[in-house]
Each structure stands twice: as C-alpha cells, then as structure tokens.
C-alpha cells in the first residue's frame, strides 16, 4: 500500500541521515568485497571496488548527490569488448565527486534526480550465465585527484552498512 511504502522510505532516509558515506548494499544483504581497489576501465582517475551480492539485492546511493546519467549499456568510452553488462548510474556531488556504478538489473532513479545517502537507486543484476559473478562495480573520481578518490572509495568499502526494516 502507499502508506507502508511511504513509511519504508521514511525509515530509509532516517537510517541514512547520520552518515556521509555508506556501504552500497544494505546490512542484511549477503554482500562481500570481491575485487579490492582497482581503476575503472576507460574512466581516468576513477578508482573502484566490486561488491558481490546476489542478483536482486538493493544498491544504495553511497553519498548524497545528483544523478547525472542512467544508461542501459556501457559508456561509449569503455571498450565494448570488455564484457560490461547491465545498467549504469552516474551521480555527482555538489563538492565535485563523480560516482560511476554499473551492472544493475534495474534502476529506480533518473537523470536530474537528487539522491540521499542510503537511498535505494537500483538492484544488482543477475550476471548472464554466471550468477556467482553478480556484483556492483562502484568507482569515484575526486576533484582533489587520484589519491583522494582512492581514500574515498576505501571509506565506502569499509563504511557503515545501513540496516533497513
């Protein structure tokens, strides 16, 4: 019902309000880091982690930002032969951080929308032919440079996990 949906959204926002960053999957999700710090292919200065989780797991906005772009394929500057799969979400903060995440099965946001830390922005896609490979690739570019991008993604990877009702 609409009332229970509104109450659920309120609980999500209240749970996330105390955090600057959060882990990209809810606390109750079976999520692990499956690839540590690495550069995102085709996006200079974008440092990332891969967070394994079963297909259908919610993906959360890790920082308050504005959604810049949602697409149904790899960005044009990424080598299309790299096996990229799923929807992509790009979001940017008011302080200049640019987040790129991919491998979504579905998205809940649109370009121009503001998101809050911890808000559900999509779900992990089921990797074709290999469900154990399902994950969220999440990377960040910092206006202060690569050292700060690395530090920021490390904070997210080891940040608070939001527990939803």
Protein backbone atom coordinates (compact mmCIF):
# COMPACT_ATOMS: atom_id res chain seq x y z
CA UNK A 1 0.00 0.00 0.00
CA UNK A 2 1.01 3.63 -0.40
CA UNK A 3 1.15 4.22 3.38
CA UNK A 4 3.56 1.31 4.01
CA UNK A 5 5.67 2.42 1.04
CA UNK A 6 5.90 5.97 2.44
CA UNK A 7 6.80 4.64 5.90
CA UNK A 8 9.51 2.43 4.40
CA UNK A 9 11.04 5.37 2.52
CA UNK A 10 10.97 7.49 5.69
CA UNK A 11 12.76 4.72 7.61
CA UNK A 12 15.43 4.53 4.88
CA UNK A 13 16.07 8.27 4.97
CA UNK A 14 16.20 8.36 8.77
CA UNK A 15 18.61 5.41 8.88
CA UNK A 16 20.97 7.09 6.44
CA UNK A 17 20.73 10.67 7.74
CA UNK A 18 23.63 10.29 10.16
CA UNK A 19 26.14 9.16 7.51
CA UNK A 20 28.26 10.99 4.94
CA UNK A 21 29.03 7.70 3.16
CA UNK A 22 27.58 4.22 3.35
CA UNK A 23 28.32 0.74 2.00
CA UNK A 24 26.50 0.21 -1.32
CA UNK A 25 24.30 -2.72 -0.16
CA UNK A 26 22.03 -2.93 2.90
CA UNK A 27 23.36 -4.57 6.07
CA UNK A 28 21.14 -7.62 5.72
CA UNK A 29 22.37 -8.33 2.17
CA UNK A 30 24.84 -11.15 1.59
CA UNK A 31 27.44 -8.76 0.20
CA UNK A 32 31.21 -9.01 0.23
CA UNK A 33 34.07 -7.19 -1.41
CA UNK A 34 35.06 -9.39 -4.33
CA UNK A 35 37.60 -7.12 -6.00
CA UNK A 36 39.61 -4.63 -3.99
CA UNK A 37 40.88 -1.27 -5.19
CA UNK A 38 41.25 -1.05 -8.97
CA UNK A 39 40.86 1.58 -11.66
CA UNK A 40 37.64 1.64 -13.67
CA UNK A 41 38.35 0.63 -17.25
CA UNK A 42 38.03 3.63 -19.56
CA UNK A 43 37.46 6.32 -16.91
CA UNK A 44 40.72 8.04 -15.97
CA UNK A 45 41.19 8.65 -12.25
CA UNK A 46 38.10 6.62 -11.29
CA UNK A 47 39.03 4.19 -8.51
CA UNK A 48 36.66 1.38 -7.64
CA UNK A 49 35.73 -1.72 -5.69
CA UNK A 50 33.49 -4.59 -6.76
CA UNK A 51 30.87 -5.57 -4.20
CA UNK A 52 29.50 -9.09 -4.79
CA UNK A 53 25.86 -9.66 -3.94
CA UNK A 54 23.10 -11.89 -5.28
CA UNK A 55 21.11 -10.55 -8.21
CA UNK A 56 18.13 -8.59 -6.94
CA UNK A 57 20.00 -7.07 -3.96
CA UNK A 58 19.27 -3.37 -3.46
CA UNK A 59 22.02 -0.91 -4.38
CA UNK A 60 22.22 2.27 -2.29
CA UNK A 61 23.49 5.76 -3.11
CA UNK A 62 26.75 5.91 -1.15
CA UNK A 63 26.77 9.70 -0.94
CA UNK A 64 24.18 12.47 -1.37
CA UNK A 65 24.33 13.61 -5.00
CA UNK A 66 22.51 14.38 -8.23
CA UNK A 67 22.02 11.64 -10.80
CA UNK A 68 23.81 12.77 -13.97
CA UNK A 69 23.07 9.87 -16.30
CA UNK A 70 21.34 6.49 -16.35
CA UNK A 71 22.07 4.26 -19.32
CA UNK A 72 21.37 0.74 -20.46
CA UNK A 73 24.83 -0.09 -21.73
CA UNK A 74 28.48 0.63 -21.11
CA UNK A 75 29.53 4.27 -21.53
CA UNK A 76 30.80 4.93 -25.08
CA UNK A 77 34.37 5.50 -23.88
CA UNK A 78 34.59 1.99 -22.37
CA UNK A 79 35.81 -0.85 -24.59
CA UNK A 80 32.59 -2.63 -25.59
CA UNK A 81 34.50 -5.93 -25.86
CA UNK A 82 35.26 -5.85 -22.11
CA UNK A 83 32.09 -7.77 -21.28
CA UNK A 84 30.35 -4.89 -19.48
CA UNK A 85 26.79 -5.80 -18.58
CA UNK A 86 23.75 -4.06 -17.09
CA UNK A 87 22.52 -0.56 -16.50
CA UNK A 88 24.86 2.22 -15.35
CA UNK A 89 24.26 5.11 -12.97
CA UNK A 90 26.46 8.20 -12.86
CA UNK A 91 25.96 10.64 -9.99
CA UNK A 92 27.85 13.73 -8.84
CA UNK A 93 28.06 15.57 -5.54
CA UNK A 94 27.94 19.32 -5.02
CA UNK A 95 31.61 19.12 -3.96
CA UNK A 96 32.73 17.59 -7.27
CA UNK A 97 32.92 13.85 -6.61
CA UNK A 98 31.75 11.81 -9.63
CA UNK A 99 30.45 8.31 -8.93
CA UNK A 100 30.06 5.60 -11.57
CA UNK A 101 28.32 2.32 -10.80
CA UNK A 102 27.29 -0.48 -13.10
CA UNK A 103 25.85 -3.97 -13.51
CA UNK A 104 22.32 -3.04 -12.40
CA UNK A 105 19.40 -5.29 -13.28
CA UNK A 106 17.04 -2.35 -12.80
CA UNK A 107 17.30 1.28 -11.73
CA UNK A 108 14.98 3.45 -9.61
CA UNK A 109 16.40 6.88 -10.49
CA UNK A 110 16.50 9.26 -13.44
CA UNK A 111 18.90 11.97 -14.60
CA UNK A 112 18.43 15.21 -12.68
CA UNK A 113 17.11 13.49 -9.55
CA UNK A 114 18.71 14.24 -6.16
CA UNK A 115 19.51 11.18 -4.04
CA UNK A 116 20.31 10.93 -0.36
CA UNK A 117 22.97 8.74 1.19
CA UNK A 118 21.46 5.28 1.63
CA UNK A 119 18.61 5.78 -0.84
CA UNK A 120 17.80 2.75 -2.99
CA UNK A 121 18.89 3.54 -6.55
CA UNK A 122 18.65 0.11 -8.19
CA UNK A 123 19.19 -3.61 -7.88
CA UNK A 124 22.16 -5.85 -8.64
CA UNK A 125 21.72 -7.59 -11.98
CA UNK A 126 21.93 -11.36 -12.40
CA UNK A 127 25.17 -11.90 -14.31
CA UNK A 128 24.36 -13.80 -17.54
CA UNK A 129 25.44 -17.43 -17.35
CA UNK A 130 27.28 -16.99 -14.04
CA UNK A 131 25.11 -15.79 -11.11
CA UNK A 132 28.08 -16.05 -8.72
CA UNK A 133 29.67 -13.19 -10.63
CA UNK A 134 26.78 -10.77 -9.86
CA UNK A 135 28.15 -7.60 -8.31
CA UNK A 136 28.04 -3.82 -8.16
CA UNK A 137 31.08 -2.09 -9.61
CA UNK A 138 31.38 1.27 -7.83
CA UNK A 139 34.03 3.86 -8.56
CA UNK A 140 34.69 7.51 -7.78
CA UNK A 141 36.64 10.37 -9.32
CA UNK A 142 37.66 13.12 -6.89
CA UNK A 143 38.19 16.79 -7.71
CA UNK A 144 41.29 16.60 -5.47
CA UNK A 145 42.95 13.86 -7.50
CA UNK A 146 43.52 10.12 -7.56
CA UNK A 147 44.89 9.87 -4.01
CA UNK A 148 41.60 11.30 -2.71
CA UNK A 149 39.49 9.07 -4.98
CA UNK A 150 41.30 6.05 -3.55
CA UNK A 151 40.77 7.29 0.01
CA UNK A 152 37.08 7.96 -0.65
CA UNK A 153 36.28 4.55 -2.15
CA UNK A 154 38.16 2.92 0.76
CA UNK A 155 35.88 4.80 3.18
CA UNK A 156 32.82 3.49 1.35
CA UNK A 157 34.14 -0.09 1.18
CA UNK A 158 34.68 -0.11 4.92
CA UNK A 159 31.85 2.27 5.78
CA UNK A 160 28.64 1.81 7.70
CA UNK A 161 26.06 -0.67 6.47
CA UNK A 162 22.53 0.61 6.73
CA UNK A 163 20.01 -1.81 8.21
CA UNK A 164 16.52 -1.48 6.75
CA UNK A 165 13.22 -2.76 8.18
